[in-house]
PDB file of N, CA and C in Angstrom:
ATOM      1  N   PHE A   1      13.674  -5.875   6.135  1.00  0.00           N
ATOM      2  CA  PHE A   1      12.413  -5.883   5.903  1.00  0.00           C
ATOM      3  C   PHE A   1      12.013  -4.543   5.676  1.00  0.00           C
ATOM      4  N   HIS A   2      11.881  -3.480   6.751  1.00  0.00           N
ATOM      5  CA  HIS A   2      11.342  -2.942   7.160  1.00  0.00           C
ATOM      6  C   HIS A   2      11.978  -1.910   6.665  1.00  0.00           C
ATOM      7  N   TYR A   3      13.008  -1.613   6.084  1.00  0.00           N
ATOM      8  CA  TYR A   3      13.165  -0.531   6.261  1.00  0.00           C
ATOM      9  C   TYR A   3      12.748  -0.247   4.198  1.00  0.00           C
ATOM     10  N   TRP A   4      12.117  -1.474   3.996  1.00  0.00           N
ATOM     11  CA  TRP A   4      11.932  -1.593   3.037  1.00  0.00           C
ATOM     12  C   TRP A   4      10.492  -0.769   2.685  1.00  0.00           C
ATOM     13  N   VAL A   5       9.789  -1.822   3.829  1.00  0.00           N
ATOM     14  CA  VAL A   5       8.237  -1.394   4.246  1.00  0.00           C
ATOM     15  C   VAL A   5       8.097   0.553   4.050  1.00  0.00           C
ATOM     16  N   ARG A   6       9.103   1.020   5.070  1.00  0.00           N
ATOM     17  CA  ARG A   6       9.555   2.530   5.572  1.00  0.00           C
ATOM     18  C   ARG A   6       9.101   2.914   3.913  1.00  0.00           C
ATOM     19  N   ARG A   7       9.754   2.308   3.386  1.00  0.00           N
ATOM     20  CA  ARG A   7       9.636   2.853   1.678  1.00  0.00           C
ATOM     21  C   ARG A   7       8.984   3.283   0.943  1.00  0.00           C
ATOM     22  N   THR A   8       8.959   1.407   0.984  1.00  0.00           N
ATOM     23  CA  THR A   8       7.566   1.630   0.144  1.00  0.00           C
ATOM     24  C   THR A   8       6.480   2.280   0.926  1.00  0.00           C
ATOM     25  N   SER A   9       5.401   2.887   2.700  1.00  0.00           N
ATOM     26  CA  SER A   9       5.737   3.712   2.295  1.00  0.00           C
ATOM     27  C   SER A   9       5.010   5.087   2.015  1.00  0.00           C
ATOM     28  N   GLU A  10       6.474   5.046   2.249  1.00  0.00           N
ATOM     29  CA  GLU A  10       6.493   6.765   1.409  1.00  0.00           C
ATOM     30  C   GLU A  10       6.330   7.223   0.138  1.00  0.00           C
ATOM     31  N   GLN A  11       6.929   5.735  -1.021  1.00  0.00           N
ATOM     32  CA  GLN A  11       6.610   5.766  -2.009  1.00  0.00           C
ATOM     33  C   GLN A  11       5.238   6.543  -2.253  1.00  0.00           C
ATOM     34  N   LEU A  12       4.325   5.417  -1.458  1.00  0.00           N
ATOM     35  CA  LEU A  12       2.992   5.113  -1.363  1.00  0.00           C
ATOM     36  C   LEU A  12       1.982   6.784  -0.950  1.00  0.00           C
ATOM     37  N   GLN A  13       2.561   7.302  -0.135  1.00  0.00           N
ATOM     38  CA  GLN A  13       2.247   8.376   0.097  1.00  0.00           C
ATOM     39  C   GLN A  13       2.322   9.610  -1.501  1.00  0.00           C
ATOM     40  N   LEU A  14       3.614   9.378  -1.663  1.00  0.00           N
ATOM     41  CA  LEU A  14       3.638  10.198  -3.238  1.00  0.00           C
ATOM     42  C   LEU A  14       2.669   9.922  -3.857  1.00  0.00           C
ATOM     43  N   TYR A  15       2.388   8.484  -4.038  1.00  0.00           N
ATOM     44  CA  TYR A  15       1.719   7.384  -5.578  1.00  0.00           C
ATOM     45  C   TYR A  15       0.636   8.781  -5.425  1.00  0.00           C
ATOM     46  N   GLN A  16      -0.098   8.605  -3.378  1.00  0.00           N
ATOM     47  CA  GLN A  16      -0.994   9.178  -3.972  1.00  0.00           C
ATOM     48  C   GLN A  16      -1.636  10.382  -4.212  1.00  0.00           C
ATOM     49  N   THR A  17      -0.745  11.308  -3.821  1.00  0.00           N
ATOM     50  CA  THR A  17      -0.818  12.844  -4.346  1.00  0.00           C
ATOM     51  C   THR A  17      -0.224  13.108  -5.884  1.00  0.00           C
ATOM     52  N   ASP A  18       0.639  11.857  -6.082  1.00  0.00           N
ATOM     53  CA  ASP A  18       0.562  12.793  -7.487  1.00  0.00           C
ATOM     54  C   ASP A  18       1.447  11.398  -8.714  1.00  0.00           C
ATOM     55  N   PRO A  19       0.595  10.319  -8.893  1.00  0.00           N
ATOM     56  CA  PRO A  19       1.202   9.126  -9.476  1.00  0.00           C
ATOM     57  C   PRO A  19       2.500   9.071 -10.801  1.00  0.00           C
ATOM     58  N   GLU A  20       2.100  10.392 -11.260  1.00  0.00           N
ATOM     59  CA  GLU A  20       3.285  10.428 -11.406  1.00  0.00           C
ATOM     60  C   GLU A  20       4.794  10.754 -10.677  1.00  0.00           C
ATOM     61  N   SER A  21       4.953  10.621 -10.067  1.00  0.00           N
ATOM     62  CA  SER A  21       5.556  11.653  -9.199  1.00  0.00           C
ATOM     63  C   SER A  21       6.997  10.116  -8.354  1.00  0.00           C
ATOM     64  N   SER A  22       6.881   8.737  -8.012  1.00  0.00           N
ATOM     65  CA  SER A  22       7.634   7.794  -8.106  1.00  0.00           C
ATOM     66  C   SER A  22       7.398   6.424  -8.895  1.00  0.00           C
ATOM     67  N   THR A  23       8.758   6.927  -8.890  1.00  0.00           N
ATOM     68  CA  THR A  23       9.125   5.822 -10.452  1.00  0.00           C
ATOM     69  C   THR A  23       9.743   3.918  -9.594  1.00  0.00           C
ATOM     70  N   TYR A  24       8.940   4.346  -8.120  1.00  0.00           N
ATOM     71  CA  TYR A  24       9.150   2.939  -7.807  1.00  0.00           C
ATOM     72  C   TYR A  24       7.774   2.236  -7.657  1.00  0.00           C
ATOM     73  N   LEU A  25       6.984   3.323  -7.952  1.00  0.00           N
ATOM     74  CA  LEU A  25       5.397   2.323  -7.398  1.00  0.00           C
ATOM     75  C   LEU A  25       5.009   2.297  -8.947  1.00  0.00           C
ATOM     76  N   ASP A  26       3.683   1.086  -9.091  1.00  0.00           N
ATOM     77  CA  ASP A  26       2.676   1.913 -10.173  1.00  0.00           C
ATOM     78  C   ASP A  26       1.405   1.337  -9.878  1.00  0.00           C
ATOM     79  N   ALA A  27       0.731   1.177 -10.717  1.00  0.00           N
ATOM     80  CA  ALA A  27      -0.831   1.724 -10.372  1.00  0.00           C
ATOM     81  C   ALA A  27      -0.654  -0.414  -9.993  1.00  0.00           C
ATOM     82  N   ASP A  28      -0.423  -1.323 -10.511  1.00  0.00           N
ATOM     83  CA  ASP A  28      -0.565  -2.424 -10.085  1.00  0.00           C
ATOM     84  C   ASP A  28       0.326  -3.030  -8.573  1.00  0.00           C
ATOM     85  N   ARG A  29       0.660  -2.846  -8.065  1.00  0.00           N
ATOM     86  CA  ARG A  29       2.285  -2.047  -6.857  1.00  0.00           C
ATOM     87  C   ARG A  29       0.935  -1.377  -5.981  1.00  0.00           C
ATOM     88  N   VAL A  30      -0.121  -0.584  -6.400  1.00  0.00           N
ATOM     89  CA  VAL A  30      -0.430  -0.325  -5.310  1.00  0.00           C
ATOM     90  C   VAL A  30      -1.729  -0.974  -5.206  1.00  0.00           C
ATOM     91  N   LYS A  31      -2.010  -1.853  -6.427  1.00  0.00           N
ATOM     92  CA  LYS A  31      -3.039  -2.722  -6.415  1.00  0.00           C
ATOM     93  C   LYS A  31      -3.351  -3.329  -4.930  1.00  0.00           C
ATOM     94  N   GLN A  32      -1.928  -4.578  -5.454  1.00  0.00           N
ATOM     95  CA  GLN A  32      -1.649  -5.259  -4.646  1.00  0.00           C
ATOM     96  C   GLN A  32      -1.295  -5.609  -3.272  1.00  0.00           C
ATOM     97  N   LEU A  33      -0.771  -3.912  -2.902  1.00  0.00           N
ATOM     98  CA  LEU A  33      -0.251  -3.417  -0.950  1.00  0.00           C
ATOM     99  C   LEU A  33      -1.630  -2.844  -1.049  1.00  0.00           C
ATOM    100  N   ASN A  34      -2.749  -2.265  -1.307  1.00  0.00           N
ATOM    101  CA  ASN A  34      -3.655  -2.077  -1.151  1.00  0.00           C
ATOM    102  C   ASN A  34      -5.208  -3.858  -0.441  1.00  0.00           C
ATOM    103  N   GLY A  35      -5.113  -4.629  -1.482  1.00  0.00           N
ATOM    104  CA  GLY A  35      -5.533  -6.363  -1.085  1.00  0.00           C
ATOM    105  C   GLY A  35      -4.818  -6.417  -0.422  1.00  0.00           C
ATOM    106  N   ILE A  36      -3.766  -6.346   0.284  1.00  0.00           N
ATOM    107  CA  ILE A  36      -3.533  -7.235   1.549  1.00  0.00           C
ATOM    108  C   ILE A  36      -3.637  -6.148   2.824  1.00  0.00           C
ATOM    109  N   GLY A  37      -4.219  -4.651   2.491  1.00  0.00           N
ATOM    110  CA  GLY A  37      -4.847  -3.808   3.899  1.00  0.00           C
ATOM    111  C   GLY A  37      -3.166  -3.518   4.176  1.00  0.00           C
ATOM    112  N   PHE A  38      -2.541  -2.715   3.105  1.00  0.00           N
ATOM    113  CA  PHE A  38      -1.155  -1.864   4.106  1.00  0.00           C
ATOM    114  C   PHE A  38      -1.518  -0.522   4.712  1.00  0.00           C
ATOM    115  N   VAL A  39      -1.552  -0.573   5.640  1.00  0.00           N
ATOM    116  CA  VAL A  39      -1.455   1.490   6.181  1.00  0.00           C
ATOM    117  C   VAL A  39      -0.208   1.645   5.660  1.00  0.00           C
ATOM    118  N   LYS A  40      -0.124   2.577   5.897  1.00  0.00           N
ATOM    119  CA  LYS A  40       1.131   3.669   5.234  1.00  0.00           C
ATOM    120  C   LYS A  40       2.001   4.002   7.063  1.00  0.00           C
ATOM    121  N   LEU A  41       3.043   4.167   6.674  1.00  0.00           N
ATOM    122  CA  LEU A  41       2.901   4.312   8.309  1.00  0.00           C
ATOM    123  C   LEU A  41       3.557   6.044   8.920  1.00  0.00           C
ATOM    124  N   GLU A  42       4.008   5.813   9.760  1.00  0.00           N
ATOM    125  CA  GLU A  42       2.894   7.755   9.889  1.00  0.00           C
ATOM    126  C   GLU A  42       4.624   8.552   9.560  1.00  0.00           C
ATOM    127  N   LYS A  43       4.713   9.143   9.019  1.00  0.00           N
ATOM    128  CA  LYS A  43       6.169  10.033   8.920  1.00  0.00           C
ATOM    129  C   LYS A  43       6.888  10.053  10.415  1.00  0.00           C
ATOM    130  N   GLN A  44       8.270   9.502  10.244  1.00  0.00           N
ATOM    131  CA  GLN A  44       9.182   9.628  11.122  1.00  0.00           C
ATOM    132  C   GLN A  44      10.000  11.535  11.246  1.00  0.00           C
ATOM    133  N   LYS A  45      11.132  11.539  11.806  1.00  0.00           N
ATOM    134  CA  LYS A  45      11.274  12.255  12.016  1.00  0.00           C
ATOM    135  C   LYS A  45      12.859  12.242  10.905  1.00  0.00           C
ATOM    136  N   ARG A  46      13.186  10.948  10.939  1.00  0.00           N
ATOM    137  CA  ARG A  46      14.815  10.824  10.554  1.00  0.00           C
ATOM    138  C   ARG A  46      14.685  10.186   9.332  1.00  0.00           C
ATOM    139  N   GLU A  47      15.666  10.343   8.406  1.00  0.00           N
ATOM    140  CA  GLU A  47      15.440   9.487   7.394  1.00  0.00           C
ATOM    141  C   GLU A  47      16.070   8.652   6.977  1.00  0.00           C
ATOM    142  N   ILE A  48      15.315   6.782   5.975  1.00  0.00           N
ATOM    143  CA  ILE A  48      16.135   5.546   6.009  1.00  0.00           C
ATOM    144  C   ILE A  48      17.157   6.442   5.653  1.00  0.00           C
ATOM    145  N   LYS A  49      18.035   5.061   5.859  1.00  0.00           N
ATOM    146  CA  LYS A  49      19.778   5.956   5.627  1.00  0.00           C
ATOM    147  C   LYS A  49      19.677   4.513   5.353  1.00  0.00           C
ATOM    148  N   HIS A  50      19.214   3.547   5.877  1.00  0.00           N
ATOM    149  CA  HIS A  50      20.110   2.105   5.541  1.00  0.00           C
ATOM    150  C   HIS A  50      19.269   1.103   4.196  1.00  0.00           C
ATOM    151  N   ALA A  51      20.470   0.710   3.401  1.00  0.00           N
ATOM    152  CA  ALA A  51      20.202  -0.465   1.879  1.00  0.00           C
ATOM    153  C   ALA A  51      18.470  -1.157   2.063  1.00  0.00           C
ATOM    154  N   VAL A  52      18.102  -1.205   0.896  1.00  0.00           N
ATOM    155  CA  VAL A  52      16.723  -2.087   0.715  1.00  0.00           C
ATOM    156  C   VAL A  52      17.185  -2.930   0.638  1.00  0.00           C
ATOM    157  N   THR A  53      17.513  -4.209   0.971  1.00  0.00           N
ATOM    158  CA  THR A  53      17.702  -5.418   0.067  1.00  0.00           C
ATOM    159  C   THR A  53      16.803  -5.979  -0.250  1.00  0.00           C
ATOM    160  N   GLY A  54      17.202  -7.132  -1.159  1.00  0.00           N
ATOM    161  CA  GLY A  54      15.774  -8.162  -2.063  1.00  0.00           C
ATOM    162  C   GLY A  54      15.311  -6.842  -2.975  1.00  0.00           C
ATOM    163  N   THR A  55      14.390  -7.539  -3.629  1.00  0.00           N
ATOM    164  CA  THR A  55      14.126  -7.486  -4.977  1.00  0.00           C
ATOM    165  C   THR A  55      12.805  -6.682  -4.596  1.00  0.00           C
ATOM    166  N   TRP A  56      11.731  -5.843  -4.887  1.00  0.00           N
ATOM    167  CA  TRP A  56      10.410  -5.287  -4.322  1.00  0.00           C
ATOM    168  C   TRP A  56       9.249  -6.701  -3.950  1.00  0.00           C
ATOM    169  N   GLU A  57       9.250  -7.392  -5.677  1.00  0.00           N
ATOM    170  CA  GLU A  57       8.598  -8.763  -5.413  1.00  0.00           C
ATOM    171  C   GLU A  57       8.706  -9.929  -3.710  1.00  0.00           C
ATOM    172  N   GLU A  58       9.768 -10.014  -3.630  1.00  0.00           N
ATOM    173  CA  GLU A  58      10.131 -11.082  -2.415  1.00  0.00           C
ATOM    174  C   GLU A  58      10.476 -10.181  -0.971  1.00  0.00           C
ATOM    175  N   ASN A  59      10.120  -9.014  -1.109  1.00  0.00           N
ATOM    176  CA  ASN A  59       9.887  -8.163   0.402  1.00  0.00           C
ATOM    177  C   ASN A  59       8.428  -7.714   0.056  1.00  0.00           C
ATOM    178  N   PHE A  60       7.823  -7.822  -1.438  1.00  0.00           N
ATOM    179  CA  PHE A  60       5.693  -8.309  -0.740  1.00  0.00           C
ATOM    180  C   PHE A  60       5.583  -9.179  -0.284  1.00  0.00           C
ATOM    181  N   GLU A  61       6.408 -10.609  -0.562  1.00  0.00           N
ATOM    182  CA  GLU A  61       5.286 -11.774  -0.444  1.00  0.00           C
ATOM    183  C   GLU A  61       5.944 -11.852   1.433  1.00  0.00           C
ATOM    184  N   GLU A  62       7.688 -11.641   1.805  1.00  0.00           N
ATOM    185  CA  GLU A  62       7.917 -11.055   3.598  1.00  0.00           C
ATOM    186  C   GLU A  62       6.322 -10.542   4.323  1.00  0.00           C
ATOM    187  N   LEU A  63       5.866  -9.446   3.115  1.00  0.00           N
ATOM    188  CA  LEU A  63       5.140  -7.924   4.019  1.00  0.00           C
ATOM    189  C   LEU A  63       3.556  -9.653   4.568  1.00  0.00           C
ATOM    190  N   LYS A  64       3.255  -9.910   3.299  1.00  0.00           N
ATOM    191  CA  LYS A  64       1.734 -11.046   3.062  1.00  0.00           C
ATOM    192  C   LYS A  64       2.177 -11.604   4.073  1.00  0.00           C
ATOM    193  N   ALA A  65       3.669 -12.578   4.477  1.00  0.00           N
ATOM    194  CA  ALA A  65       3.685 -13.572   4.853  1.00  0.00           C
ATOM    195  C   ALA A  65       3.697 -12.733   6.888  1.00  0.00           C
ATOM    196  N   PHE A  66       4.650 -11.929   6.705  1.00  0.00           N
ATOM    197  CA  PHE A  66       4.246 -11.173   7.766  1.00  0.00           C
ATOM    198  C   PHE A  66       2.678 -10.733   8.284  1.00  0.00           C
ATOM    199  N   LYS A  67       1.814 -10.270   7.525  1.00  0.00           N
ATOM    200  CA  LYS A  67       1.052 -10.012   7.695  1.00  0.00           C
ATOM    201  C   LYS A  67      -0.284 -11.591   8.048  1.00  0.00           C
ATOM    202  N   GLU A  68       0.120 -11.989   7.358  1.00  0.00           N
ATOM    203  CA  GLU A  68      -0.848 -13.485   7.640  1.00  0.00           C
ATOM    204  C   GLU A  68      -0.057 -14.386   9.096  1.00  0.00           C
ATOM    205  N   LYS A  69       0.841 -13.747   9.913  1.00  0.00           N
ATOM    206  CA  LYS A  69       1.251 -13.925  11.089  1.00  0.00           C
ATOM    207  C   LYS A  69       1.174 -13.330  11.757  1.00  0.00           C
ATOM    208  N   ASN A  70       0.535 -11.639  11.627  1.00  0.00           N
ATOM    209  CA  ASN A  70       0.470 -10.805  12.936  1.00  0.00           C
ATOM    210  C   ASN A  70      -0.754 -10.306  12.652  1.00  0.00           C
ATOM    211  N   GLY A  71      -1.644 -10.483  11.689  1.00  0.00           N
ATOM    212  CA  GLY A  71      -2.951  -9.481  11.312  1.00  0.00           C
ATOM    213  C   GLY A  71      -2.964  -8.283  10.512  1.00  0.00           C
ATOM    214  N   HIS A  72      -1.134  -8.084  10.614  1.00  0.00           N
ATOM    215  CA  HIS A  72      -1.511  -6.583  10.364  1.00  0.00           C
ATOM    216  C   HIS A  72      -0.413  -6.055   9.883  1.00  0.00           C
ATOM    217  N   THR A  73       0.163  -5.399   9.319  1.00  0.00           N
ATOM    218  CA  THR A  73       1.001  -4.790   8.062  1.00  0.00           C
ATOM    219  C   THR A  73       1.882  -3.556   8.083  1.00  0.00           C
ATOM    220  N   ASN A  74       1.479  -3.521  10.326  1.00  0.00           N
ATOM    221  CA  ASN A  74       2.854  -3.006  10.512  1.00  0.00           C
ATOM    222  C   ASN A  74       3.931  -3.229  11.624  1.00  0.00           C
ATOM    223  N   VAL A  75       5.047  -3.838  10.670  1.00  0.00           N
ATOM    224  CA  VAL A  75       6.226  -3.175  10.898  1.00  0.00           C
ATOM    225  C   VAL A  75       7.136  -3.220  11.836  1.00  0.00           C
ATOM    226  N   PRO A  76       7.168  -3.410  12.629  1.00  0.00           N
ATOM    227  CA  PRO A  76       8.408  -2.866  13.741  1.00  0.00           C
ATOM    228  C   PRO A  76       9.045  -2.595  13.518  1.00  0.00           C
ATOM    229  N   SER A  77      10.540  -1.596  14.054  1.00  0.00           N
ATOM    230  CA  SER A  77      11.669  -1.188  13.367  1.00  0.00           C
ATOM    231  C   SER A  77      12.215  -2.973  13.778  1.00  0.00           C
ATOM    232  N   LEU A  78      12.434  -2.953  14.957  1.00  0.00           N
ATOM    233  CA  LEU A  78      13.227  -4.509  15.020  1.00  0.00           C
ATOM    234  C   LEU A  78      13.595  -5.515  13.706  1.00  0.00           C
ATOM    235  N   PRO A  79      14.441  -5.814  13.104  1.00  0.00           N
ATOM    236  CA  PRO A  79      14.905  -6.847  13.055  1.00  0.00           C
ATOM    237  C   PRO A  79      13.696  -8.245  12.657  1.00  0.00           C
ATOM    238  N   VAL A  80      13.019  -8.405  11.733  1.00  0.00           N
ATOM    239  CA  VAL A  80      11.706  -9.727  11.812  1.00  0.00           C
ATOM    240  C   VAL A  80      12.294 -10.848  12.035  1.00  0.00           C
ATOM    241  N   SER A  81      13.555 -10.772  11.695  1.00  0.00           N
ATOM    242  CA  SER A  81      14.598 -11.978  12.081  1.00  0.00           C
ATOM    243  C   SER A  81      14.099 -12.398  13.529  1.00  0.00           C
ATOM    244  N   SER A  82      14.075 -10.717  14.513  1.00  0.00           N
ATOM    245  CA  SER A  82      14.097 -11.259  16.129  1.00  0.00           C
ATOM    246  C   SER A  82      12.940 -11.020  16.260  1.00  0.00           C
ATOM    247  N   LEU A  83      12.347 -11.385  15.527  1.00  0.00           N
ATOM    248  CA  LEU A  83      10.899 -11.381  16.750  1.00  0.00           C
ATOM    249  C   LEU A  83       9.811 -13.001  16.184  1.00  0.00           C
ATOM    250  N   ARG A  84      10.325 -13.751  15.662  1.00  0.00           N
ATOM    251  CA  ARG A  84      10.755 -15.472  14.954  1.00  0.00           C
ATOM    252  C   ARG A  84      10.868 -16.102  16.125  1.00  0.00           C
TER     253      ARG A  84
END
């Protein structure tokens, strides 16, 4: 889940620079992210090399649930299951 959030954050940054550059996000997904107050993560020095699991929709629902529980969208790098 964290890797999906990281990838989405990176793609949002690309989309905001040039909407045509992101094949991962479209206007509807950006609207959904903005609707829950998604905040882009600070860029880290290493690249994400882990696979993202689940569909965009499944991960977005998990992000909404995380925000509902925690009041923010700053998902930690630890597996969310270890935080429950």
